[in-house]
N, C-alpha and C. Protein backbone atom coordinates (compact mmCIF):
# COMPACT_ATOMS: atom_id res chain seq x y z
N MET A 1 -0.21 -3.39 3.80
CA MET A 1 -1.46 -4.13 4.12
C MET A 1 -2.21 -3.29 5.19
N ASN A 2 -3.44 -3.11 4.99
CA ASN A 2 -4.25 -2.28 5.99
C ASN A 2 -4.77 -3.07 7.13
N ILE A 3 -5.23 -2.35 8.05
CA ILE A 3 -5.65 -3.01 9.38
C ILE A 3 -6.79 -3.98 9.21
N ILE A 4 -7.74 -3.62 8.39
CA ILE A 4 -8.84 -4.55 8.09
C ILE A 4 -8.43 -5.86 7.58
N PHE A 5 -7.55 -5.74 6.57
CA PHE A 5 -7.06 -6.91 5.92
C PHE A 5 -6.28 -7.87 6.89
N ARG A 6 -5.53 -7.19 7.73
CA ARG A 6 -4.67 -7.89 8.75
C ARG A 6 -5.61 -8.67 9.75
N THR A 7 -6.66 -7.83 10.10
CA THR A 7 -7.65 -8.45 11.07
C THR A 7 -8.31 -9.64 10.51
N LEU A 8 -8.78 -9.54 9.29
CA LEU A 8 -9.47 -10.59 8.64
C LEU A 8 -8.53 -11.76 8.50
N LEU A 9 -7.20 -11.52 8.16
CA LEU A 9 -6.30 -12.62 8.02
C LEU A 9 -5.97 -13.32 9.44
N ALA A 10 -5.93 -12.56 10.42
CA ALA A 10 -5.65 -13.13 11.77
C ALA A 10 -6.92 -14.02 12.21
N PHE A 11 -8.09 -13.51 12.00
CA PHE A 11 -9.39 -14.29 12.26
C PHE A 11 -9.44 -15.53 11.40
N TYR A 12 -9.04 -15.42 10.22
CA TYR A 12 -9.08 -16.59 9.23
C TYR A 12 -8.04 -17.60 9.70
N ALA A 13 -6.83 -17.16 10.05
CA ALA A 13 -5.75 -18.12 10.42
C ALA A 13 -6.22 -18.70 11.81
N PHE A 14 -6.72 -18.01 12.72
CA PHE A 14 -7.30 -18.65 14.09
C PHE A 14 -8.30 -19.72 13.76
N CYS A 15 -9.32 -19.42 12.94
CA CYS A 15 -10.37 -20.35 12.58
C CYS A 15 -9.83 -21.60 11.90
N LEU A 16 -8.97 -21.44 10.95
CA LEU A 16 -8.34 -22.59 10.35
C LEU A 16 -7.46 -23.39 11.29
N THR A 17 -6.85 -22.82 12.21
CA THR A 17 -6.05 -23.52 13.25
C THR A 17 -6.95 -24.44 14.02
N VAL A 18 -8.05 -23.84 14.50
CA VAL A 18 -8.95 -24.65 15.35
C VAL A 18 -9.60 -25.78 14.47
N ILE A 19 -9.98 -25.50 13.27
CA ILE A 19 -10.54 -26.58 12.48
C ILE A 19 -9.52 -27.69 12.16
N SER A 20 -8.30 -27.23 11.94
CA SER A 20 -7.21 -28.16 11.68
C SER A 20 -7.06 -29.15 12.92
N LEU A 21 -7.06 -28.50 14.07
CA LEU A 21 -6.81 -29.21 15.36
C LEU A 21 -7.90 -30.18 15.51
N VAL A 22 -9.12 -29.84 15.31
CA VAL A 22 -10.25 -30.68 15.51
C VAL A 22 -10.10 -31.88 14.47
N LEU A 23 -9.84 -31.54 13.32
CA LEU A 23 -9.73 -32.68 12.26
C LEU A 23 -8.53 -33.59 12.43
N MET A 24 -7.36 -33.07 13.07
CA MET A 24 -6.42 -34.05 13.34
C MET A 24 -6.70 -34.99 14.55
N VAL A 25 -7.38 -34.47 15.54
CA VAL A 25 -7.76 -35.23 16.66
C VAL A 25 -8.88 -36.33 16.19
N ALA A 26 -9.79 -35.82 15.33
CA ALA A 26 -10.81 -36.77 14.77
C ALA A 26 -10.23 -37.91 13.81
N THR A 27 -9.22 -37.54 13.13
CA THR A 27 -8.51 -38.41 12.32
C THR A 27 -7.80 -39.51 13.09
N LEU A 28 -7.19 -39.16 14.30
CA LEU A 28 -6.48 -40.22 15.03
C LEU A 28 -7.43 -41.04 15.87
N ASN A 29 -8.63 -40.51 16.14
CA ASN A 29 -9.57 -41.39 16.96
C ASN A 29 -10.77 -41.44 16.20
N LYS A 30 -11.06 -42.71 15.79
CA LYS A 30 -12.26 -43.03 14.96
C LYS A 30 -13.56 -42.78 15.60
N GLU A 31 -13.61 -42.99 16.81
CA GLU A 31 -14.83 -42.80 17.75
C GLU A 31 -15.21 -41.28 17.72
N ILE A 32 -14.24 -40.33 17.91
CA ILE A 32 -14.58 -38.97 17.88
C ILE A 32 -15.06 -38.63 16.46
N PHE A 33 -14.46 -39.13 15.43
CA PHE A 33 -14.95 -38.83 14.12
C PHE A 33 -16.43 -39.17 13.87
N VAL A 34 -16.64 -40.42 14.30
CA VAL A 34 -18.02 -40.97 14.13
C VAL A 34 -19.05 -40.03 15.02
N ASN A 35 -18.68 -39.62 16.24
CA ASN A 35 -19.47 -38.79 17.03
C ASN A 35 -19.74 -37.51 16.39
N ILE A 36 -18.66 -36.79 15.79
CA ILE A 36 -18.85 -35.51 15.10
C ILE A 36 -19.66 -35.57 13.98
N THR A 37 -19.58 -36.62 13.08
CA THR A 37 -20.47 -36.80 11.88
C THR A 37 -21.98 -37.09 12.30
N SER A 38 -22.15 -37.96 13.30
CA SER A 38 -23.47 -38.21 13.71
C SER A 38 -24.22 -37.03 14.41
N PHE A 39 -23.35 -36.13 15.11
CA PHE A 39 -23.90 -34.90 15.65
C PHE A 39 -24.28 -34.00 14.50
N LEU A 40 -23.44 -33.72 13.56
CA LEU A 40 -23.73 -32.90 12.50
C LEU A 40 -24.97 -33.42 11.64
N GLU A 41 -25.05 -34.65 11.52
CA GLU A 41 -26.22 -35.37 10.71
C GLU A 41 -27.54 -35.07 11.47
N ARG A 42 -27.52 -35.28 12.85
CA ARG A 42 -28.75 -35.18 13.65
C ARG A 42 -29.08 -33.86 13.89
N ASN A 43 -28.18 -33.00 14.34
CA ASN A 43 -28.57 -31.65 14.91
C ASN A 43 -28.39 -30.54 13.81
N VAL A 44 -27.56 -30.69 12.94
CA VAL A 44 -27.29 -29.49 12.05
C VAL A 44 -27.97 -29.69 10.66
N LEU A 45 -27.80 -30.85 10.10
CA LEU A 45 -28.36 -31.03 8.75
C LEU A 45 -29.78 -31.30 8.62
N ASN A 46 -30.42 -31.64 9.62
CA ASN A 46 -31.90 -31.80 9.70
C ASN A 46 -32.67 -30.54 9.96
N ASN A 47 -32.03 -29.40 10.36
CA ASN A 47 -32.63 -28.12 10.62
C ASN A 47 -32.27 -27.20 9.47
N LYS A 48 -33.27 -26.65 8.88
CA LYS A 48 -33.12 -25.77 7.70
C LYS A 48 -32.36 -24.52 8.11
N ALA A 49 -32.73 -23.98 9.26
CA ALA A 49 -31.98 -22.80 9.72
C ALA A 49 -30.46 -22.92 9.91
N SER A 50 -30.27 -24.16 10.49
CA SER A 50 -28.77 -24.45 10.75
C SER A 50 -27.97 -24.71 9.37
N VAL A 51 -28.76 -25.21 8.42
CA VAL A 51 -28.08 -25.59 7.12
C VAL A 51 -27.83 -24.29 6.46
N ILE A 52 -28.80 -23.24 6.49
CA ILE A 52 -28.61 -21.91 5.93
C ILE A 52 -27.38 -21.24 6.60
N LEU A 53 -27.31 -21.26 7.91
CA LEU A 53 -26.31 -20.61 8.63
C LEU A 53 -24.93 -21.22 8.39
N LEU A 54 -24.93 -22.56 8.31
CA LEU A 54 -23.69 -23.24 8.03
C LEU A 54 -23.30 -22.94 6.60
N PHE A 55 -24.11 -22.78 5.57
CA PHE A 55 -23.76 -22.47 4.24
C PHE A 55 -23.24 -20.92 4.15
N ILE A 56 -23.74 -20.04 4.95
CA ILE A 56 -23.28 -18.74 5.01
C ILE A 56 -21.91 -18.67 5.50
N VAL A 57 -21.59 -19.39 6.60
CA VAL A 57 -20.41 -19.43 7.18
C VAL A 57 -19.31 -20.02 6.19
N GLU A 58 -19.79 -21.12 5.47
CA GLU A 58 -18.89 -21.66 4.52
C GLU A 58 -18.62 -20.72 3.34
N LEU A 59 -19.69 -19.93 2.94
CA LEU A 59 -19.43 -18.98 1.84
C LEU A 59 -18.60 -17.92 2.31
N VAL A 60 -18.60 -17.43 3.45
CA VAL A 60 -17.67 -16.30 4.10
C VAL A 60 -16.27 -16.84 3.89
N PHE A 61 -16.04 -18.10 4.51
CA PHE A 61 -14.64 -18.64 4.41
C PHE A 61 -14.19 -18.83 3.06
N PHE A 62 -15.07 -19.24 2.11
CA PHE A 62 -14.67 -19.37 0.66
C PHE A 62 -14.29 -18.01 0.08
N GLY A 63 -15.05 -17.02 0.44
CA GLY A 63 -14.73 -15.67 -0.03
C GLY A 63 -13.27 -15.09 0.49
N LEU A 64 -13.20 -15.45 1.80
CA LEU A 64 -11.93 -15.03 2.39
C LEU A 64 -10.71 -15.79 1.79
N SER A 65 -10.94 -17.03 1.46
CA SER A 65 -9.85 -17.85 0.84
C SER A 65 -9.47 -17.29 -0.49
N LEU A 66 -10.58 -16.97 -1.28
CA LEU A 66 -10.30 -16.39 -2.69
C LEU A 66 -9.57 -14.92 -2.43
N MET A 67 -9.97 -14.14 -1.54
CA MET A 67 -9.41 -12.86 -1.30
C MET A 67 -7.94 -12.97 -0.99
N PHE A 68 -7.56 -14.01 0.02
CA PHE A 68 -6.27 -14.10 0.21
C PHE A 68 -5.33 -14.67 -0.81
N LEU A 69 -5.95 -15.60 -1.53
CA LEU A 69 -5.23 -16.13 -2.66
C LEU A 69 -5.00 -15.10 -3.76
N LEU A 70 -5.90 -14.36 -4.12
CA LEU A 70 -5.70 -13.29 -5.15
C LEU A 70 -4.81 -12.12 -4.66
N SER A 71 -4.74 -11.93 -3.26
CA SER A 71 -3.87 -10.87 -2.85
C SER A 71 -2.46 -11.50 -2.91
N GLY A 72 -2.31 -12.60 -2.81
CA GLY A 72 -0.81 -13.17 -2.92
C GLY A 72 -0.38 -13.26 -4.38
N VAL A 73 -1.28 -13.37 -5.29
CA VAL A 73 -1.01 -13.51 -6.62
C VAL A 73 -0.78 -12.11 -7.36
N ARG A 74 -1.55 -11.10 -6.83
CA ARG A 74 -1.42 -9.83 -7.37
C ARG A 74 0.06 -9.15 -7.45
N SER A 75 0.42 -8.69 -8.44
CA SER A 75 1.71 -8.14 -8.57
C SER A 75 1.89 -6.84 -8.00
N GLU A 76 3.02 -6.64 -7.24
CA GLU A 76 3.27 -5.35 -6.59
C GLU A 76 4.06 -4.48 -7.67
N ARG A 77 4.58 -5.07 -8.70
CA ARG A 77 5.33 -4.29 -9.69
C ARG A 77 4.55 -3.26 -10.41
N ASN A 78 3.23 -3.55 -10.62
CA ASN A 78 2.35 -2.62 -11.35
C ASN A 78 2.11 -1.44 -10.56
N ARG A 79 2.05 -1.55 -9.21
CA ARG A 79 1.80 -0.37 -8.42
C ARG A 79 3.03 0.47 -8.15
N LYS A 80 4.25 -0.02 -8.45
CA LYS A 80 5.46 0.76 -8.20
C LYS A 80 6.08 1.34 -9.48
N SER A 81 5.24 1.27 -10.47
CA SER A 81 5.65 1.89 -11.78
C SER A 81 4.50 2.38 -12.54
N ILE A 82 4.83 3.32 -13.55
CA ILE A 82 3.78 3.78 -14.45
C ILE A 82 4.07 3.17 -15.90
N SER A 83 3.06 2.63 -16.41
CA SER A 83 3.30 2.03 -17.73
C SER A 83 2.62 2.96 -18.77
N LYS A 84 3.26 3.07 -19.86
CA LYS A 84 2.74 3.84 -21.02
C LYS A 84 3.00 2.96 -22.33
N PHE A 85 2.17 3.07 -23.23
CA PHE A 85 2.33 2.30 -24.47
C PHE A 85 2.55 3.28 -25.72
N ASN A 86 3.37 2.93 -26.44
CA ASN A 86 3.68 3.74 -27.69
C ASN A 86 3.59 2.84 -29.00
N LYS A 87 3.92 3.26 -30.11
CA LYS A 87 3.85 2.36 -31.27
C LYS A 87 4.76 1.17 -31.30
N VAL A 88 5.86 1.30 -30.60
CA VAL A 88 6.96 0.19 -30.60
C VAL A 88 6.59 -0.82 -29.47
N GLY A 89 6.08 -0.33 -28.37
CA GLY A 89 5.72 -1.22 -27.31
C GLY A 89 5.48 -0.52 -25.96
N GLU A 90 5.78 -1.09 -24.75
CA GLU A 90 5.40 -0.59 -23.49
C GLU A 90 6.70 0.04 -22.87
N ILE A 91 6.38 1.09 -22.17
CA ILE A 91 7.45 1.79 -21.41
C ILE A 91 7.06 1.85 -19.95
N LYS A 92 7.85 1.45 -19.01
CA LYS A 92 7.62 1.47 -17.64
C LYS A 92 8.66 2.39 -16.98
N ILE A 93 8.11 3.28 -16.11
CA ILE A 93 8.88 4.23 -15.43
C ILE A 93 8.59 4.08 -13.88
N SER A 94 9.63 3.80 -13.10
CA SER A 94 9.43 3.38 -11.69
C SER A 94 8.96 4.69 -11.00
N LEU A 95 8.35 4.50 -9.85
CA LEU A 95 7.98 5.78 -9.04
C LEU A 95 9.28 6.16 -8.31
N ASN A 96 10.24 5.32 -8.17
CA ASN A 96 11.59 5.73 -7.62
C ASN A 96 12.21 6.66 -8.46
N THR A 97 12.18 6.53 -9.80
CA THR A 97 12.84 7.37 -10.78
C THR A 97 12.07 8.76 -10.67
N ILE A 98 10.73 8.71 -10.60
CA ILE A 98 10.14 10.10 -10.50
C ILE A 98 10.35 10.79 -9.13
N GLU A 99 10.59 10.02 -8.14
CA GLU A 99 11.06 10.57 -6.81
C GLU A 99 12.47 11.34 -7.02
N ASN A 100 13.33 10.59 -7.74
CA ASN A 100 14.75 11.14 -7.85
C ASN A 100 14.65 12.43 -8.78
N ILE A 101 13.70 12.43 -9.79
CA ILE A 101 13.63 13.62 -10.57
C ILE A 101 13.19 14.80 -9.67
N ALA A 102 12.15 14.44 -8.79
CA ALA A 102 11.56 15.57 -7.99
C ALA A 102 12.68 16.02 -6.84
N LEU A 103 13.42 15.08 -6.39
CA LEU A 103 14.57 15.40 -5.44
C LEU A 103 15.59 16.38 -6.12
N ALA A 104 16.10 16.02 -7.26
CA ALA A 104 17.02 16.75 -7.90
C ALA A 104 16.50 18.03 -8.30
N THR A 105 15.41 18.21 -8.73
CA THR A 105 14.71 19.57 -9.08
C THR A 105 14.59 20.40 -7.91
N SER A 106 14.09 19.85 -6.74
CA SER A 106 13.74 20.69 -5.51
C SER A 106 15.17 21.09 -4.91
N ARG A 107 16.18 20.32 -5.11
CA ARG A 107 17.52 20.71 -4.50
C ARG A 107 18.28 21.75 -5.30
N ARG A 108 17.84 21.85 -6.53
CA ARG A 108 18.52 23.02 -7.36
C ARG A 108 18.13 24.36 -6.97
N ASN A 109 16.97 24.48 -6.21
CA ASN A 109 16.50 25.83 -5.79
C ASN A 109 17.49 26.42 -4.74
N ASN A 110 17.70 27.61 -4.81
CA ASN A 110 18.58 28.24 -3.80
C ASN A 110 17.57 28.53 -2.60
N GLY A 111 18.14 28.17 -1.38
CA GLY A 111 17.29 28.22 -0.22
C GLY A 111 16.91 27.01 0.26
N VAL A 112 17.10 25.90 -0.43
CA VAL A 112 16.70 24.50 0.05
C VAL A 112 17.97 23.92 0.55
N LYS A 113 18.02 23.47 1.83
CA LYS A 113 19.09 22.83 2.44
C LYS A 113 19.05 21.24 2.18
N GLU A 114 17.83 20.69 2.58
CA GLU A 114 17.57 19.33 2.49
C GLU A 114 16.17 19.12 1.91
N SER A 115 16.09 17.95 1.20
CA SER A 115 14.74 17.57 0.72
C SER A 115 14.54 16.05 0.68
N LYS A 116 13.23 15.69 0.77
CA LYS A 116 12.82 14.31 0.68
C LYS A 116 11.63 14.36 -0.12
N ALA A 117 11.51 13.40 -1.12
CA ALA A 117 10.34 13.32 -1.99
C ALA A 117 9.71 11.89 -1.81
N TYR A 118 8.43 12.05 -2.07
CA TYR A 118 7.46 10.77 -1.91
C TYR A 118 6.46 10.82 -3.09
N VAL A 119 6.38 9.90 -3.89
CA VAL A 119 5.45 9.92 -5.12
C VAL A 119 4.51 8.77 -4.91
N LYS A 120 3.19 9.07 -5.08
CA LYS A 120 2.02 8.14 -5.09
C LYS A 120 1.43 8.06 -6.49
N ARG A 121 0.94 6.89 -6.88
CA ARG A 121 0.25 6.79 -8.08
C ARG A 121 -1.22 7.21 -7.90
N VAL A 122 -1.67 8.11 -8.78
CA VAL A 122 -3.10 8.65 -8.73
C VAL A 122 -3.72 8.20 -9.99
N GLY A 123 -4.73 7.40 -9.96
CA GLY A 123 -5.41 6.91 -11.19
C GLY A 123 -4.60 6.00 -12.02
N GLY A 124 -4.64 6.03 -13.29
CA GLY A 124 -3.89 5.24 -14.25
C GLY A 124 -2.40 5.68 -14.45
N GLU A 125 -2.21 6.82 -15.01
CA GLU A 125 -0.87 7.16 -15.39
C GLU A 125 -0.48 8.52 -14.70
N ASN A 126 -1.13 8.96 -13.72
CA ASN A 126 -0.95 10.17 -13.09
C ASN A 126 -0.14 9.91 -11.72
N VAL A 127 0.57 10.97 -11.18
CA VAL A 127 1.22 10.81 -9.86
C VAL A 127 0.94 12.05 -9.08
N SER A 128 1.09 11.86 -7.81
CA SER A 128 0.92 13.03 -6.87
C SER A 128 2.33 13.00 -6.14
N VAL A 129 2.99 14.21 -5.95
CA VAL A 129 4.27 14.29 -5.41
C VAL A 129 4.19 15.10 -4.11
N HIS A 130 4.91 14.55 -3.11
CA HIS A 130 4.96 15.15 -1.79
C HIS A 130 6.43 15.39 -1.45
N ILE A 131 6.66 16.68 -1.20
CA ILE A 131 8.13 17.01 -0.90
C ILE A 131 8.30 17.61 0.55
N LYS A 132 9.18 17.17 1.30
CA LYS A 132 9.43 17.75 2.56
C LYS A 132 10.80 18.40 2.46
N ILE A 133 10.96 19.59 2.93
CA ILE A 133 12.20 20.40 2.77
C ILE A 133 12.61 21.05 4.06
N VAL A 134 13.87 21.30 4.14
CA VAL A 134 14.39 22.20 5.18
C VAL A 134 15.10 23.40 4.42
N VAL A 135 14.58 24.60 4.77
CA VAL A 135 14.98 25.80 4.09
C VAL A 135 15.98 26.58 4.86
N MET A 136 16.73 27.40 4.15
CA MET A 136 17.64 28.24 4.72
C MET A 136 16.94 29.44 5.30
N PRO A 137 17.50 30.13 6.32
CA PRO A 137 16.78 31.29 7.02
C PRO A 137 16.83 32.46 6.02
N ASP A 138 15.93 33.47 6.28
CA ASP A 138 15.77 34.61 5.39
C ASP A 138 15.41 34.38 3.99
N ILE A 139 14.58 33.36 3.84
CA ILE A 139 13.97 33.05 2.48
C ILE A 139 12.55 33.33 2.44
N ASN A 140 12.10 33.95 1.34
CA ASN A 140 10.62 34.09 1.18
C ASN A 140 10.01 32.72 0.93
N ILE A 141 9.45 32.05 2.01
CA ILE A 141 9.04 30.70 1.99
C ILE A 141 7.86 30.48 0.90
N PRO A 142 6.79 31.35 0.92
CA PRO A 142 5.74 31.04 -0.05
C PRO A 142 6.16 31.10 -1.54
N ALA A 143 7.07 32.11 -1.83
CA ALA A 143 7.68 32.20 -3.16
C ALA A 143 8.44 31.05 -3.50
N LEU A 144 9.28 30.59 -2.55
CA LEU A 144 10.13 29.41 -2.81
C LEU A 144 9.31 28.19 -3.06
N LEU A 145 8.27 27.93 -2.28
CA LEU A 145 7.42 26.71 -2.41
C LEU A 145 6.78 26.71 -3.76
N GLU A 146 6.22 27.93 -4.14
CA GLU A 146 5.54 27.97 -5.45
C GLU A 146 6.50 27.75 -6.53
N ASP A 147 7.74 28.11 -6.38
CA ASP A 147 8.70 27.98 -7.53
C ASP A 147 9.09 26.46 -7.51
N ILE A 148 9.16 25.83 -6.43
CA ILE A 148 9.59 24.34 -6.26
C ILE A 148 8.34 23.60 -6.97
N GLN A 149 7.11 23.93 -6.67
CA GLN A 149 5.87 23.31 -7.13
C GLN A 149 5.92 23.32 -8.73
N PHE A 150 6.20 24.54 -9.20
CA PHE A 150 6.27 24.73 -10.58
C PHE A 150 7.33 23.94 -11.34
N ARG A 151 8.51 24.06 -10.77
CA ARG A 151 9.65 23.38 -11.39
C ARG A 151 9.55 21.87 -11.37
N VAL A 152 9.23 21.32 -10.15
CA VAL A 152 9.11 19.88 -10.05
C VAL A 152 8.00 19.28 -11.00
N LYS A 153 6.88 19.98 -11.11
CA LYS A 153 5.72 19.41 -11.97
C LYS A 153 6.30 19.51 -13.40
N LYS A 154 6.94 20.56 -13.80
CA LYS A 154 7.34 20.83 -15.14
C LYS A 154 8.48 19.75 -15.46
N SER A 155 9.40 19.55 -14.59
CA SER A 155 10.59 18.66 -14.80
C SER A 155 10.04 17.09 -14.82
N ILE A 156 9.16 16.72 -14.04
CA ILE A 156 8.64 15.43 -14.11
C ILE A 156 7.93 15.18 -15.42
N GLU A 157 7.05 16.12 -15.78
CA GLU A 157 6.30 15.90 -17.00
C GLU A 157 7.09 15.98 -18.26
N GLU A 158 8.18 16.95 -18.27
CA GLU A 158 9.04 16.98 -19.46
C GLU A 158 9.98 15.74 -19.53
N THR A 159 10.50 15.31 -18.40
CA THR A 159 11.57 14.24 -18.45
C THR A 159 10.99 12.85 -18.61
N SER A 160 9.89 12.60 -17.90
CA SER A 160 9.35 11.22 -18.03
C SER A 160 7.97 11.12 -18.87
N GLY A 161 7.34 12.22 -19.05
CA GLY A 161 6.06 12.12 -19.80
C GLY A 161 4.95 11.71 -18.91
N VAL A 162 5.11 11.59 -17.61
CA VAL A 162 4.16 11.25 -16.65
C VAL A 162 3.39 12.40 -16.11
N LEU A 163 2.05 12.49 -16.14
CA LEU A 163 1.35 13.69 -15.73
C LEU A 163 1.28 13.78 -14.26
N VAL A 164 1.47 14.98 -13.67
CA VAL A 164 1.57 15.23 -12.33
C VAL A 164 0.27 15.93 -11.82
N ASN A 165 -0.50 15.25 -10.95
CA ASN A 165 -1.66 15.87 -10.57
C ASN A 165 -1.54 17.15 -9.57
N ASP A 166 -0.62 16.82 -8.65
CA ASP A 166 -0.33 17.93 -7.65
C ASP A 166 1.00 17.74 -7.07
N VAL A 167 1.56 18.82 -6.65
CA VAL A 167 2.88 18.83 -5.93
C VAL A 167 2.62 19.49 -4.51
N LYS A 168 2.81 18.75 -3.47
CA LYS A 168 2.61 19.32 -2.12
C LYS A 168 3.99 19.39 -1.48
N VAL A 169 4.28 20.64 -1.03
CA VAL A 169 5.50 20.93 -0.39
C VAL A 169 5.32 21.29 1.08
N PHE A 170 6.12 20.61 1.95
CA PHE A 170 5.96 20.75 3.33
C PHE A 170 7.30 21.24 3.93
N VAL A 171 7.28 22.42 4.60
CA VAL A 171 8.52 22.88 5.15
C VAL A 171 8.63 22.24 6.59
N GLU A 172 9.64 21.42 6.68
CA GLU A 172 9.88 20.67 7.99
C GLU A 172 10.55 21.55 8.95
N ASN A 173 11.50 22.37 8.54
CA ASN A 173 12.26 23.19 9.39
C ASN A 173 13.00 24.30 8.77
N ILE A 174 13.51 25.21 9.54
CA ILE A 174 14.49 26.17 9.06
C ILE A 174 15.87 25.80 9.35
N TYR A 175 16.83 25.76 8.55
CA TYR A 175 18.26 25.38 8.79
C TYR A 175 18.79 26.35 9.70
N ALA A 176 19.34 25.95 10.78
CA ALA A 176 19.96 26.93 11.79
C ALA A 176 21.54 26.95 11.65
N GLY A 177 21.93 25.89 11.08
CA GLY A 177 23.46 25.76 10.93
C GLY A 177 24.04 25.23 12.10
N TYR A 178 25.37 24.97 12.07
CA TYR A 178 26.00 24.43 13.27
C TYR A 178 27.14 25.47 13.73
N ARG A 179 27.17 25.81 14.92
CA ARG A 179 28.10 26.65 15.40
C ARG A 179 29.09 25.99 16.34
N SER A 180 30.28 26.08 15.99
CA SER A 180 31.38 25.41 16.94
C SER A 180 31.52 26.25 18.17
N ARG A 181 31.58 25.45 19.31
CA ARG A 181 31.76 26.15 20.56
C ARG A 181 33.10 26.17 20.98
N VAL A 182 33.59 27.28 21.37
CA VAL A 182 34.97 27.39 21.82
C VAL A 182 34.94 27.57 23.37
N GLU A 183 35.70 26.68 24.00
CA GLU A 183 35.71 26.74 25.49
C GLU A 183 37.01 27.15 26.05
């Protein structure tokens, strides 16, 4: 959930809390309810500018309500998998599966000590692969990275049939190994 969505949700929840509190108090005390309705009738509904402003506020709250309702209904499953259709039916491949293919392929290269893979969906059926690796010392890093990019792209496309837009490889560190200390 991004920061704008969270901010809107917090504002929406605060406004609904205040409105609910006012309505609960007005329900328990008939005199307050009558005073609120007569105030709205005299001061707000008789003035065209107030009516337009009130309608805009109501429209914004209606839009926020629809947005939050639809965000709760929207399925996360479709974002975490790639769907393909063939003559027989639908095939779904999870992004986790594609990450594991990328991990297995990147670890097969000599010179890679550790690797982590992240896959993002790009467009409809394409993916973007990000790999972080720790390499062994005395390795030609540019040649190794180019080899990893080529092999990962080829392996994912041949194994899953999913098109790979790009493969980004990031060298996190050089493996130094562990030396035991004798005292």
